[in-house]
Amino acid sequence: QVQLVESGGGLVQPGGSLRLSCEASGSISSIYAMGWYRQAPGKQRELVASITRFGSTDYADSVKGRFTISRDSARNTVALQMNSLKPEDTAVYYCSVATWGNPQPRYWGQGTQVTVSS
């Protein structure tokens, strides 16, 4: 089992920045990748960014150049730096963990709200 605790999020004006953080605990050795997904009202949950334990990253086209995912292996944390935020980035953001042998997320955080509005 892996437990995830998210922090960050909130209300920000368009063009602003926010930083999300997620700390993992439990069966750390089973983690292959960590990532962030988001779900806006009435829409499906979608991948925002992910990073493997080897440092390989993947981003949704809509956030490339604006968001940066990073990890701190010593602290078992992953962060998402979000810059140049747009109203369409408004969603609940979920931290996720994929384990070895399965690229799909197996564990999820509780979610944190990000609202981009003037």
Protein backbone atom coordinates (compact mmCIF):
# COMPACT_ATOMS: atom_id res chain seq x y z
CA GLN A 1 0.00 0.00 0.00
CA VAL A 2 1.05 3.56 -0.74
CA GLN A 3 -0.47 6.57 0.94
CA LEU A 4 -0.37 10.00 -0.68
CA VAL A 5 -0.78 13.37 0.98
CA GLU A 6 -1.15 16.43 -1.20
CA SER A 7 -0.62 20.07 -0.36
CA GLY A 8 -0.84 23.32 -2.23
CA GLY A 9 -3.60 24.44 -4.51
CA GLY A 10 -5.99 27.32 -4.01
CA LEU A 11 -7.20 30.36 -5.87
CA VAL A 12 -4.96 32.27 -8.24
CA GLN A 13 -5.45 34.90 -10.90
CA PRO A 14 -4.82 34.14 -14.56
CA GLY A 15 -1.12 34.33 -15.31
CA GLY A 16 -0.23 33.44 -11.75
CA SER A 17 1.64 30.48 -10.31
CA LEU A 18 0.96 27.69 -7.87
CA ARG A 19 2.96 24.76 -6.57
CA LEU A 20 1.47 21.42 -5.65
CA SER A 21 3.32 18.88 -3.56
CA CYS A 22 2.64 15.23 -2.81
CA GLU A 23 4.35 13.05 -0.23
CA ALA A 24 4.26 9.27 -0.50
CA SER A 25 4.55 6.82 2.36
CA GLY A 26 4.16 3.11 2.81
CA SER A 27 5.50 0.69 0.21
CA ILE A 28 7.89 3.15 -1.42
CA SER A 29 9.92 0.49 -3.20
CA SER A 30 6.85 -0.46 -5.24
CA ILE A 31 6.62 2.98 -6.84
CA TYR A 32 7.59 3.16 -10.51
CA ALA A 33 6.17 6.57 -11.34
CA MET A 34 4.37 9.44 -9.70
CA GLY A 35 2.19 11.93 -11.42
CA TRP A 36 -0.56 14.48 -11.37
CA TYR A 37 -3.97 14.14 -12.95
CA ARG A 38 -6.79 16.65 -12.97
CA GLN A 39 -10.52 16.55 -13.34
CA ALA A 40 -12.66 19.53 -14.20
CA PRO A 41 -16.43 19.55 -13.65
CA GLY A 42 -18.18 17.46 -16.28
CA LYS A 43 -14.92 16.20 -17.75
CA GLN A 44 -12.89 13.03 -17.50
CA ARG A 45 -9.80 12.81 -15.36
CA GLU A 46 -6.72 13.50 -17.48
CA LEU A 47 -2.99 13.18 -17.09
CA VAL A 48 -1.20 16.47 -16.43
CA ALA A 49 2.37 15.26 -15.87
CA SER A 50 4.25 12.23 -14.66
CA ILE A 51 7.80 11.31 -13.69
CA THR A 52 9.36 7.89 -13.35
CA ARG A 53 11.82 6.91 -10.66
CA PHE A 54 14.47 7.22 -13.38
CA GLY A 55 13.52 10.84 -14.03
CA SER A 56 11.69 10.45 -17.32
CA THR A 57 8.84 12.92 -17.63
CA ASP A 58 5.65 13.18 -19.62
CA TYR A 59 3.36 16.18 -19.98
CA ALA A 60 -0.04 16.88 -21.44
CA ASP A 61 0.27 19.09 -24.51
CA SER A 62 -1.90 21.72 -22.84
CA VAL A 63 0.63 22.30 -20.05
CA LYS A 64 3.95 21.91 -21.84
CA GLY A 65 6.16 24.91 -21.26
CA ARG A 66 4.06 26.08 -18.32
CA PHE A 67 4.14 23.23 -15.81
CA THR A 68 7.15 21.39 -14.43
CA ILE A 69 7.09 18.14 -12.50
CA SER A 70 9.95 17.25 -10.19
CA ARG A 71 10.72 14.67 -7.55
CA ASP A 72 12.75 14.43 -4.39
CA SER A 73 13.59 10.78 -3.90
CA ALA A 74 15.05 11.35 -0.45
CA ARG A 75 11.75 12.80 0.77
CA ASN A 76 9.51 10.61 -1.42
CA THR A 77 7.80 13.69 -2.75
CA VAL A 78 6.75 14.94 -6.14
CA ALA A 79 5.96 18.55 -6.95
CA LEU A 80 4.13 20.28 -9.76
CA GLN A 81 5.15 23.86 -10.45
CA MET A 82 2.39 25.56 -12.41
CA ASN A 83 3.14 28.88 -14.10
CA SER A 84 1.16 31.07 -16.46
CA LEU A 85 -2.04 29.56 -15.19
CA LYS A 86 -5.18 29.84 -17.28
CA PRO A 87 -8.85 29.58 -16.33
CA GLU A 88 -9.00 26.26 -18.17
CA ASP A 89 -6.48 24.85 -15.68
CA THR A 90 -9.19 25.02 -13.03
CA ALA A 91 -9.79 21.50 -11.73
CA VAL A 92 -9.25 19.14 -8.85
CA TYR A 93 -5.68 17.89 -9.07
CA TYR A 94 -4.85 14.37 -7.91
CA CYS A 95 -1.47 12.92 -7.09
CA SER A 96 -1.01 9.40 -8.40
CA VAL A 97 1.34 6.45 -8.12
CA ALA A 98 1.97 3.73 -10.67
CA THR A 99 3.71 0.61 -9.48
CA TRP A 100 6.17 -1.66 -11.20
CA GLY A 101 4.67 -3.62 -14.07
CA ASN A 102 1.61 -1.44 -14.55
CA PRO A 103 1.78 2.02 -16.12
CA GLN A 104 -1.71 2.95 -14.97
CA PRO A 105 -2.08 4.67 -11.60
CA ARG A 106 -2.85 2.35 -8.73
CA TYR A 107 -2.95 4.79 -5.84
CA TRP A 108 -4.49 8.24 -5.62
CA GLY A 109 -4.33 11.20 -3.32
CA GLN A 110 -7.44 12.88 -1.99
CA GLY A 111 -7.29 15.71 -4.50
CA THR A 112 -6.68 19.43 -4.15
CA GLN A 113 -8.66 22.21 -5.79
CA VAL A 114 -6.97 24.65 -8.14
CA THR A 115 -9.07 27.59 -9.25
CA VAL A 116 -7.80 30.13 -11.77
CA SER A 117 -10.04 33.16 -11.82
CA SER A 118 -9.92 36.91 -11.69
